[in-house]
Amino acid sequence: GGSVQPGGSLRLSCVVSGTIFSWYDMGWYRQAPGK
């Protein structure tokens, strides 16, 4: 995460440990202020 200008790009990464990763459905969610 970080700060970017409109039109820019970012790459988020999530690393899972402590379980068998391949068993899981994975998702990204977001929460904006007040939402």
ModelCIF file with pLDDT and N, C-alpha, C, O atoms, coordinates in Angstrom:
data_MODEL
#
_entry.id   MODEL 
#
_entity.id                         1 
_entity.type                       polymer 
_entity.pdbx_number_of_molecules   1 
#
_entity_poly.entity_id                      1 
_entity_poly.type                           'polypeptide(L)' 
_entity_poly.nstd_linkage                   no 
_entity_poly.nstd_monomer                   no 
_entity_poly.pdbx_seq_one_letter_code       GGSVQPGGSLRLSCVVSGTIFSWYDMGWYRQAPGK 
_entity_poly.pdbx_seq_one_letter_code_can   GGSVQPGGSLRLSCVVSGTIFSWYDMGWYRQAPGK 
_entity_poly.pdbx_strand_id                 A 
#
loop_
_entity_poly_seq.entity_id 
_entity_poly_seq.num 
_entity_poly_seq.mon_id 
_entity_poly_seq.hetero 
1 1  GLY n 
1 2  GLY n 
1 3  SER n 
1 4  VAL n 
1 5  GLN n 
1 6  PRO n 
1 7  GLY n 
1 8  GLY n 
1 9  SER n 
1 10 LEU n 
1 11 ARG n 
1 12 LEU n 
1 13 SER n 
1 14 CYS n 
1 15 VAL n 
1 16 VAL n 
1 17 SER n 
1 18 GLY n 
1 19 THR n 
1 20 ILE n 
1 21 PHE n 
1 22 SER n 
1 23 TRP n 
1 24 TYR n 
1 25 ASP n 
1 26 MET n 
1 27 GLY n 
1 28 TRP n 
1 29 TYR n 
1 30 ARG n 
1 31 GLN n 
1 32 ALA n 
1 33 PRO n 
1 34 GLY n 
1 35 LYS n 
#
_struct_asym.id          A 
_struct_asym.entity_id   1 
#
loop_
_ma_qa_metric.id 
_ma_qa_metric.mode 
_ma_qa_metric.name 
_ma_qa_metric.software_group_id 
_ma_qa_metric.type 
1 global pLDDT . pLDDT 
2 local  pLDDT . pLDDT 
#
_ma_qa_metric_global.metric_id      1 
_ma_qa_metric_global.metric_value   97.06 
_ma_qa_metric_global.model_id       1 
_ma_qa_metric_global.ordinal_id     1 
#
loop_
_ma_qa_metric_local.label_asym_id 
_ma_qa_metric_local.label_comp_id 
_ma_qa_metric_local.label_seq_id 
_ma_qa_metric_local.metric_id 
_ma_qa_metric_local.metric_value 
_ma_qa_metric_local.model_id 
_ma_qa_metric_local.ordinal_id 
A GLY 1  2 98.00 1 1  
A GLY 2  2 98.00 1 2  
A SER 3  2 98.00 1 3  
A VAL 4  2 98.00 1 4  
A GLN 5  2 98.00 1 5  
A PRO 6  2 98.00 1 6  
A GLY 7  2 98.00 1 7  
A GLY 8  2 98.00 1 8  
A SER 9  2 98.00 1 9  
A LEU 10 2 98.00 1 10 
A ARG 11 2 98.00 1 11 
A LEU 12 2 98.00 1 12 
A SER 13 2 98.00 1 13 
A CYS 14 2 98.00 1 14 
A VAL 15 2 98.00 1 15 
A VAL 16 2 98.00 1 16 
A SER 17 2 97.00 1 17 
A GLY 18 2 96.00 1 18 
A THR 19 2 94.00 1 19 
A ILE 20 2 94.00 1 20 
A PHE 21 2 95.00 1 21 
A SER 22 2 95.00 1 22 
A TRP 23 2 95.00 1 23 
A TYR 24 2 97.00 1 24 
A ASP 25 2 97.00 1 25 
A MET 26 2 98.00 1 26 
A GLY 27 2 98.00 1 27 
A TRP 28 2 98.00 1 28 
A TYR 29 2 98.00 1 29 
A ARG 30 2 98.00 1 30 
A GLN 31 2 98.00 1 31 
A ALA 32 2 97.00 1 32 
A PRO 33 2 92.00 1 33 
A GLY 34 2 95.00 1 34 
A LYS 35 2 97.00 1 35 
#
loop_
_atom_site.group_PDB 
_atom_site.id 
_atom_site.type_symbol 
_atom_site.label_atom_id 
_atom_site.label_alt_id 
_atom_site.label_comp_id 
_atom_site.label_asym_id 
_atom_site.label_entity_id 
_atom_site.label_seq_id 
_atom_site.pdbx_PDB_ins_code 
_atom_site.Cartn_x 
_atom_site.Cartn_y 
_atom_site.Cartn_z 
_atom_site.occupancy 
_atom_site.B_iso_or_equiv 
_atom_site.pdbx_formal_charge 
_atom_site.auth_seq_id 
_atom_site.auth_comp_id 
_atom_site.auth_asym_id 
_atom_site.auth_atom_id 
_atom_site.pdbx_PDB_model_num 
ATOM 1   N N  . GLY A 1 1  ? 0.814   -1.199  0.000   1.00 98.00 ? 1  GLY A N  1 
ATOM 2   C CA . GLY A 1 1  ? 0.000   0.000   0.000   1.00 98.00 ? 1  GLY A CA 1 
ATOM 3   C C  . GLY A 1 1  ? 0.849   1.251   0.000   1.00 98.00 ? 1  GLY A C  1 
ATOM 4   O O  . GLY A 1 1  ? 2.058   1.204   0.229   1.00 98.00 ? 1  GLY A O  1 
ATOM 5   N N  . GLY A 1 2  ? 0.204   2.360   -0.258  1.00 98.00 ? 2  GLY A N  1 
ATOM 6   C CA . GLY A 1 2  ? 0.896   3.632   -0.293  1.00 98.00 ? 2  GLY A CA 1 
ATOM 7   C C  . GLY A 1 2  ? 0.039   4.694   -0.922  1.00 98.00 ? 2  GLY A C  1 
ATOM 8   O O  . GLY A 1 2  ? -1.167  4.521   -1.104  1.00 98.00 ? 2  GLY A O  1 
ATOM 9   N N  . SER A 1 3  ? 0.677   5.798   -1.254  1.00 98.00 ? 3  SER A N  1 
ATOM 10  C CA . SER A 1 3  ? 0.004   6.933   -1.865  1.00 98.00 ? 3  SER A CA 1 
ATOM 11  C C  . SER A 1 3  ? 0.426   7.071   -3.315  1.00 98.00 ? 3  SER A C  1 
ATOM 12  O O  . SER A 1 3  ? 1.614   7.032   -3.635  1.00 98.00 ? 3  SER A O  1 
ATOM 13  N N  . VAL A 1 4  ? -0.556  7.233   -4.185  1.00 98.00 ? 4  VAL A N  1 
ATOM 14  C CA . VAL A 1 4  ? -0.299  7.399   -5.611  1.00 98.00 ? 4  VAL A CA 1 
ATOM 15  C C  . VAL A 1 4  ? -1.213  8.467   -6.173  1.00 98.00 ? 4  VAL A C  1 
ATOM 16  O O  . VAL A 1 4  ? -2.227  8.821   -5.570  1.00 98.00 ? 4  VAL A O  1 
ATOM 17  N N  . GLN A 1 5  ? -0.843  8.973   -7.335  1.00 98.00 ? 5  GLN A N  1 
ATOM 18  C CA . GLN A 1 5  ? -1.667  9.935   -8.041  1.00 98.00 ? 5  GLN A CA 1 
ATOM 19  C C  . GLN A 1 5  ? -2.754  9.223   -8.834  1.00 98.00 ? 5  GLN A C  1 
ATOM 20  O O  . GLN A 1 5  ? -2.593  8.057   -9.194  1.00 98.00 ? 5  GLN A O  1 
ATOM 21  N N  . PRO A 1 6  ? -3.853  9.908   -9.110  1.00 98.00 ? 6  PRO A N  1 
ATOM 22  C CA . PRO A 1 6  ? -4.849  9.317   -9.994  1.00 98.00 ? 6  PRO A CA 1 
ATOM 23  C C  . PRO A 1 6  ? -4.218  8.864   -11.303 1.00 98.00 ? 6  PRO A C  1 
ATOM 24  O O  . PRO A 1 6  ? -3.378  9.557   -11.877 1.00 98.00 ? 6  PRO A O  1 
ATOM 25  N N  . GLY A 1 7  ? -4.633  7.696   -11.761 1.00 98.00 ? 7  GLY A N  1 
ATOM 26  C CA . GLY A 1 7  ? -4.057  7.109   -12.955 1.00 98.00 ? 7  GLY A CA 1 
ATOM 27  C C  . GLY A 1 7  ? -2.851  6.236   -12.696 1.00 98.00 ? 7  GLY A C  1 
ATOM 28  O O  . GLY A 1 7  ? -2.374  5.552   -13.601 1.00 98.00 ? 7  GLY A O  1 
ATOM 29  N N  . GLY A 1 8  ? -2.355  6.249   -11.481 1.00 98.00 ? 8  GLY A N  1 
ATOM 30  C CA . GLY A 1 8  ? -1.192  5.466   -11.138 1.00 98.00 ? 8  GLY A CA 1 
ATOM 31  C C  . GLY A 1 8  ? -1.526  4.018   -10.844 1.00 98.00 ? 8  GLY A C  1 
ATOM 32  O O  . GLY A 1 8  ? -2.672  3.586   -10.969 1.00 98.00 ? 8  GLY A O  1 
ATOM 33  N N  . SER A 1 9  ? -0.501  3.278   -10.449 1.00 98.00 ? 9  SER A N  1 
ATOM 34  C CA . SER A 1 9  ? -0.638  1.851   -10.200 1.00 98.00 ? 9  SER A CA 1 
ATOM 35  C C  . SER A 1 9  ? 0.000   1.469   -8.874  1.00 98.00 ? 9  SER A C  1 
ATOM 36  O O  . SER A 1 9  ? 0.946   2.108   -8.413  1.00 98.00 ? 9  SER A O  1 
ATOM 37  N N  . LEU A 1 10 ? -0.527  0.431   -8.279  1.00 98.00 ? 10 LEU A N  1 
ATOM 38  C CA . LEU A 1 10 ? 0.044   -0.180  -7.095  1.00 98.00 ? 10 LEU A CA 1 
ATOM 39  C C  . LEU A 1 10 ? -0.159  -1.681  -7.184  1.00 98.00 ? 10 LEU A C  1 
ATOM 40  O O  . LEU A 1 10 ? -1.096  -2.160  -7.822  1.00 98.00 ? 10 LEU A O  1 
ATOM 41  N N  . ARG A 1 11 ? 0.726   -2.411  -6.540  1.00 98.00 ? 11 ARG A N  1 
ATOM 42  C CA . ARG A 1 11 ? 0.607   -3.854  -6.448  1.00 98.00 ? 11 ARG A CA 1 
ATOM 43  C C  . ARG A 1 11 ? 0.586   -4.255  -4.986  1.00 98.00 ? 11 ARG A C  1 
ATOM 44  O O  . ARG A 1 11 ? 1.557   -4.044  -4.260  1.00 98.00 ? 11 ARG A O  1 
ATOM 45  N N  . LEU A 1 12 ? -0.522  -4.833  -4.560  1.00 98.00 ? 12 LEU A N  1 
ATOM 46  C CA . LEU A 1 12 ? -0.642  -5.319  -3.207  1.00 98.00 ? 12 LEU A CA 1 
ATOM 47  C C  . LEU A 1 12 ? -0.297  -6.798  -3.148  1.00 98.00 ? 12 LEU A C  1 
ATOM 48  O O  . LEU A 1 12 ? -0.555  -7.551  -4.088  1.00 98.00 ? 12 LEU A O  1 
ATOM 49  N N  . SER A 1 13 ? 0.286   -7.196  -2.040  1.00 98.00 ? 13 SER A N  1 
ATOM 50  C CA . SER A 1 13 ? 0.646   -8.582  -1.828  1.00 98.00 ? 13 SER A CA 1 
ATOM 51  C C  . SER A 1 13 ? 0.133   -9.031  -0.473  1.00 98.00 ? 13 SER A C  1 
ATOM 52  O O  . SER A 1 13 ? 0.129   -8.263  0.488   1.00 98.00 ? 13 SER A O  1 
ATOM 53  N N  . CYS A 1 14 ? -0.295  -10.268 -0.405  1.00 98.00 ? 14 CYS A N  1 
ATOM 54  C CA . CYS A 1 14 ? -0.719  -10.877 0.847   1.00 98.00 ? 14 CYS A CA 1 
ATOM 55  C C  . CYS A 1 14 ? -0.072  -12.244 0.944   1.00 98.00 ? 14 CYS A C  1 
ATOM 56  O O  . CYS A 1 14 ? -0.282  -13.105 0.090   1.00 98.00 ? 14 CYS A O  1 
ATOM 57  N N  . VAL A 1 15 ? 0.704   -12.435 1.978   1.00 98.00 ? 15 VAL A N  1 
ATOM 58  C CA . VAL A 1 15 ? 1.382   -13.708 2.199   1.00 98.00 ? 15 VAL A CA 1 
ATOM 59  C C  . VAL A 1 15 ? 0.715   -14.425 3.360   1.00 98.00 ? 15 VAL A C  1 
ATOM 60  O O  . VAL A 1 15 ? 0.522   -13.852 4.433   1.00 98.00 ? 15 VAL A O  1 
ATOM 61  N N  . VAL A 1 16 ? 0.369   -15.674 3.137   1.00 98.00 ? 16 VAL A N  1 
ATOM 62  C CA . VAL A 1 16 ? -0.339  -16.483 4.124   1.00 98.00 ? 16 VAL A CA 1 
ATOM 63  C C  . VAL A 1 16 ? 0.623   -17.488 4.729   1.00 98.00 ? 16 VAL A C  1 
ATOM 64  O O  . VAL A 1 16 ? 1.407   -18.115 4.017   1.00 98.00 ? 16 VAL A O  1 
ATOM 65  N N  . SER A 1 17 ? 0.562   -17.638 6.036   1.00 97.00 ? 17 SER A N  1 
ATOM 66  C CA . SER A 1 17 ? 1.380   -18.625 6.721   1.00 97.00 ? 17 SER A CA 1 
ATOM 67  C C  . SER A 1 17 ? 0.549   -19.327 7.784   1.00 97.00 ? 17 SER A C  1 
ATOM 68  O O  . SER A 1 17 ? -0.486  -18.819 8.215   1.00 97.00 ? 17 SER A O  1 
ATOM 69  N N  . GLY A 1 18 ? 1.008   -20.486 8.198   1.00 96.00 ? 18 GLY A N  1 
ATOM 70  C CA . GLY A 1 18 ? 0.353   -21.215 9.264   1.00 96.00 ? 18 GLY A CA 1 
ATOM 71  C C  . GLY A 1 18 ? -0.765  -22.134 8.827   1.00 96.00 ? 18 GLY A C  1 
ATOM 72  O O  . GLY A 1 18 ? -1.439  -22.728 9.669   1.00 96.00 ? 18 GLY A O  1 
ATOM 73  N N  . THR A 1 19 ? -0.978  -22.265 7.527   1.00 94.00 ? 19 THR A N  1 
ATOM 74  C CA . THR A 1 19 ? -2.015  -23.147 7.020   1.00 94.00 ? 19 THR A CA 1 
ATOM 75  C C  . THR A 1 19 ? -1.667  -23.548 5.597   1.00 94.00 ? 19 THR A C  1 
ATOM 76  O O  . THR A 1 19 ? -0.653  -23.121 5.045   1.00 94.00 ? 19 THR A O  1 
ATOM 77  N N  . ILE A 1 20 ? -2.520  -24.370 5.017   1.00 94.00 ? 20 ILE A N  1 
ATOM 78  C CA . ILE A 1 20 ? -2.267  -24.854 3.662   1.00 94.00 ? 20 ILE A CA 1 
ATOM 79  C C  . ILE A 1 20 ? -2.936  -23.902 2.690   1.00 94.00 ? 20 ILE A C  1 
ATOM 80  O O  . ILE A 1 20 ? -4.153  -23.931 2.506   1.00 94.00 ? 20 ILE A O  1 
ATOM 81  N N  . PHE A 1 21 ? -2.140  -23.073 2.083   1.00 95.00 ? 21 PHE A N  1 
ATOM 82  C CA . PHE A 1 21 ? -2.632  -21.973 1.265   1.00 95.00 ? 21 PHE A CA 1 
ATOM 83  C C  . PHE A 1 21 ? -3.523  -22.450 0.124   1.00 95.00 ? 21 PHE A C  1 
ATOM 84  O O  . PHE A 1 21 ? -4.547  -21.829 -0.163  1.00 95.00 ? 21 PHE A O  1 
ATOM 85  N N  . SER A 1 22 ? -3.152  -23.527 -0.518  1.00 95.00 ? 22 SER A N  1 
ATOM 86  C CA . SER A 1 22 ? -3.858  -23.967 -1.716  1.00 95.00 ? 22 SER A CA 1 
ATOM 87  C C  . SER A 1 22 ? -5.300  -24.398 -1.453  1.00 95.00 ? 22 SER A C  1 
ATOM 88  O O  . SER A 1 22 ? -6.081  -24.524 -2.397  1.00 95.00 ? 22 SER A O  1 
ATOM 89  N N  . TRP A 1 23 ? -5.666  -24.625 -0.204  1.00 95.00 ? 23 TRP A N  1 
ATOM 90  C CA . TRP A 1 23 ? -7.030  -25.001 0.126   1.00 95.00 ? 23 TRP A CA 1 
ATOM 91  C C  . TRP A 1 23 ? -8.001  -23.819 0.078   1.00 95.00 ? 23 TRP A C  1 
ATOM 92  O O  . TRP A 1 23 ? -9.212  -24.027 0.012   1.00 95.00 ? 23 TRP A O  1 
ATOM 93  N N  . TYR A 1 24 ? -7.504  -22.609 0.109   1.00 97.00 ? 24 TYR A N  1 
ATOM 94  C CA . TYR A 1 24 ? -8.331  -21.447 0.370   1.00 97.00 ? 24 TYR A CA 1 
ATOM 95  C C  . TYR A 1 24 ? -8.716  -20.677 -0.881  1.00 97.00 ? 24 TYR A C  1 
ATOM 96  O O  . TYR A 1 24 ? -7.930  -20.530 -1.817  1.00 97.00 ? 24 TYR A O  1 
ATOM 97  N N  . ASP A 1 25 ? -9.944  -20.194 -0.869  1.00 97.00 ? 25 ASP A N  1 
ATOM 98  C CA . ASP A 1 25 ? -10.324 -19.116 -1.762  1.00 97.00 ? 25 ASP A CA 1 
ATOM 99  C C  . ASP A 1 25 ? -9.788  -17.821 -1.161  1.00 97.00 ? 25 ASP A C  1 
ATOM 100 O O  . ASP A 1 25 ? -9.913  -17.587 0.041   1.00 97.00 ? 25 ASP A O  1 
ATOM 101 N N  . MET A 1 26 ? -9.197  -16.995 -1.993  1.00 98.00 ? 26 MET A N  1 
ATOM 102 C CA . MET A 1 26 ? -8.576  -15.768 -1.521  1.00 98.00 ? 26 MET A CA 1 
ATOM 103 C C  . MET A 1 26 ? -9.297  -14.551 -2.073  1.00 98.00 ? 26 MET A C  1 
ATOM 104 O O  . MET A 1 26 ? -9.832  -14.578 -3.181  1.00 98.00 ? 26 MET A O  1 
ATOM 105 N N  . GLY A 1 27 ? -9.302  -13.496 -1.294  1.00 98.00 ? 27 GLY A N  1 
ATOM 106 C CA . GLY A 1 27 ? -9.965  -12.287 -1.740  1.00 98.00 ? 27 GLY A CA 1 
ATOM 107 C C  . GLY A 1 27 ? -9.323  -11.036 -1.208  1.00 98.00 ? 27 GLY A C  1 
ATOM 108 O O  . GLY A 1 27 ? -8.593  -11.046 -0.217  1.00 98.00 ? 27 GLY A O  1 
ATOM 109 N N  . TRP A 1 28 ? -9.618  -9.956  -1.900  1.00 98.00 ? 28 TRP A N  1 
ATOM 110 C CA . TRP A 1 28 ? -9.265  -8.629  -1.435  1.00 98.00 ? 28 TRP A CA 1 
ATOM 111 C C  . TRP A 1 28 ? -10.546 -7.843  -1.196  1.00 98.00 ? 28 TRP A C  1 
ATOM 112 O O  . TRP A 1 28 ? -11.442 -7.820  -2.040  1.00 98.00 ? 28 TRP A O  1 
ATOM 113 N N  . TYR A 1 29 ? -10.619 -7.212  -0.058  1.00 98.00 ? 29 TYR A N  1 
ATOM 114 C CA . TYR A 1 29 ? -11.711 -6.332  0.311   1.00 98.00 ? 29 TYR A CA 1 
ATOM 115 C C  . TYR A 1 29 ? -11.144 -4.960  0.624   1.00 98.00 ? 29 TYR A C  1 
ATOM 116 O O  . TYR A 1 29 ? -9.944  -4.808  0.852   1.00 98.00 ? 29 TYR A O  1 
ATOM 117 N N  . ARG A 1 30 ? -12.010 -3.972  0.632   1.00 98.00 ? 30 ARG A N  1 
ATOM 118 C CA . ARG A 1 30 ? -11.559 -2.646  1.022   1.00 98.00 ? 30 ARG A CA 1 
ATOM 119 C C  . ARG A 1 30 ? -12.634 -1.940  1.832   1.00 98.00 ? 30 ARG A C  1 
ATOM 120 O O  . ARG A 1 30 ? -13.826 -2.225  1.713   1.00 98.00 ? 30 ARG A O  1 
ATOM 121 N N  . GLN A 1 31 ? -12.180 -1.022  2.649   1.00 98.00 ? 31 GLN A N  1 
ATOM 122 C CA . GLN A 1 31 ? -13.077 -0.242  3.482   1.00 98.00 ? 31 GLN A CA 1 
ATOM 123 C C  . GLN A 1 31 ? -12.627 1.206   3.456   1.00 98.00 ? 31 GLN A C  1 
ATOM 124 O O  . GLN A 1 31 ? -11.550 1.548   3.945   1.00 98.00 ? 31 GLN A O  1 
ATOM 125 N N  . ALA A 1 32 ? -13.462 2.041   2.882   1.00 97.00 ? 32 ALA A N  1 
ATOM 126 C CA . ALA A 1 32 ? -13.201 3.465   2.833   1.00 97.00 ? 32 ALA A CA 1 
ATOM 127 C C  . ALA A 1 32 ? -13.735 4.116   4.101   1.00 97.00 ? 32 ALA A C  1 
ATOM 128 O O  . ALA A 1 32 ? -14.598 3.547   4.770   1.00 97.00 ? 32 ALA A O  1 
ATOM 129 N N  . PRO A 1 33 ? -13.232 5.302   4.441   1.00 92.00 ? 33 PRO A N  1 
ATOM 130 C CA . PRO A 1 33 ? -13.718 5.978   5.647   1.00 92.00 ? 33 PRO A CA 1 
ATOM 131 C C  . PRO A 1 33 ? -15.230 6.152   5.635   1.00 92.00 ? 33 PRO A C  1 
ATOM 132 O O  . PRO A 1 33 ? -15.801 6.636   4.657   1.00 92.00 ? 33 PRO A O  1 
ATOM 133 N N  . GLY A 1 34 ? -15.870 5.756   6.722   1.00 95.00 ? 34 GLY A N  1 
ATOM 134 C CA . GLY A 1 34 ? -17.311 5.889   6.844   1.00 95.00 ? 34 GLY A CA 1 
ATOM 135 C C  . GLY A 1 34 ? -18.116 4.892   6.049   1.00 95.00 ? 34 GLY A C  1 
ATOM 136 O O  . GLY A 1 34 ? -19.340 5.003   5.985   1.00 95.00 ? 34 GLY A O  1 
ATOM 137 N N  . LYS A 1 35 ? -17.456 3.913   5.437   1.00 97.00 ? 35 LYS A N  1 
ATOM 138 C CA . LYS A 1 35 ? -18.137 2.939   4.601   1.00 97.00 ? 35 LYS A CA 1 
ATOM 139 C C  . LYS A 1 35 ? -17.962 1.531   5.148   1.00 97.00 ? 35 LYS A C  1 
ATOM 140 O O  . LYS A 1 35 ? -18.473 0.574   4.566   1.00 97.00 ? 35 LYS A O  1 
#
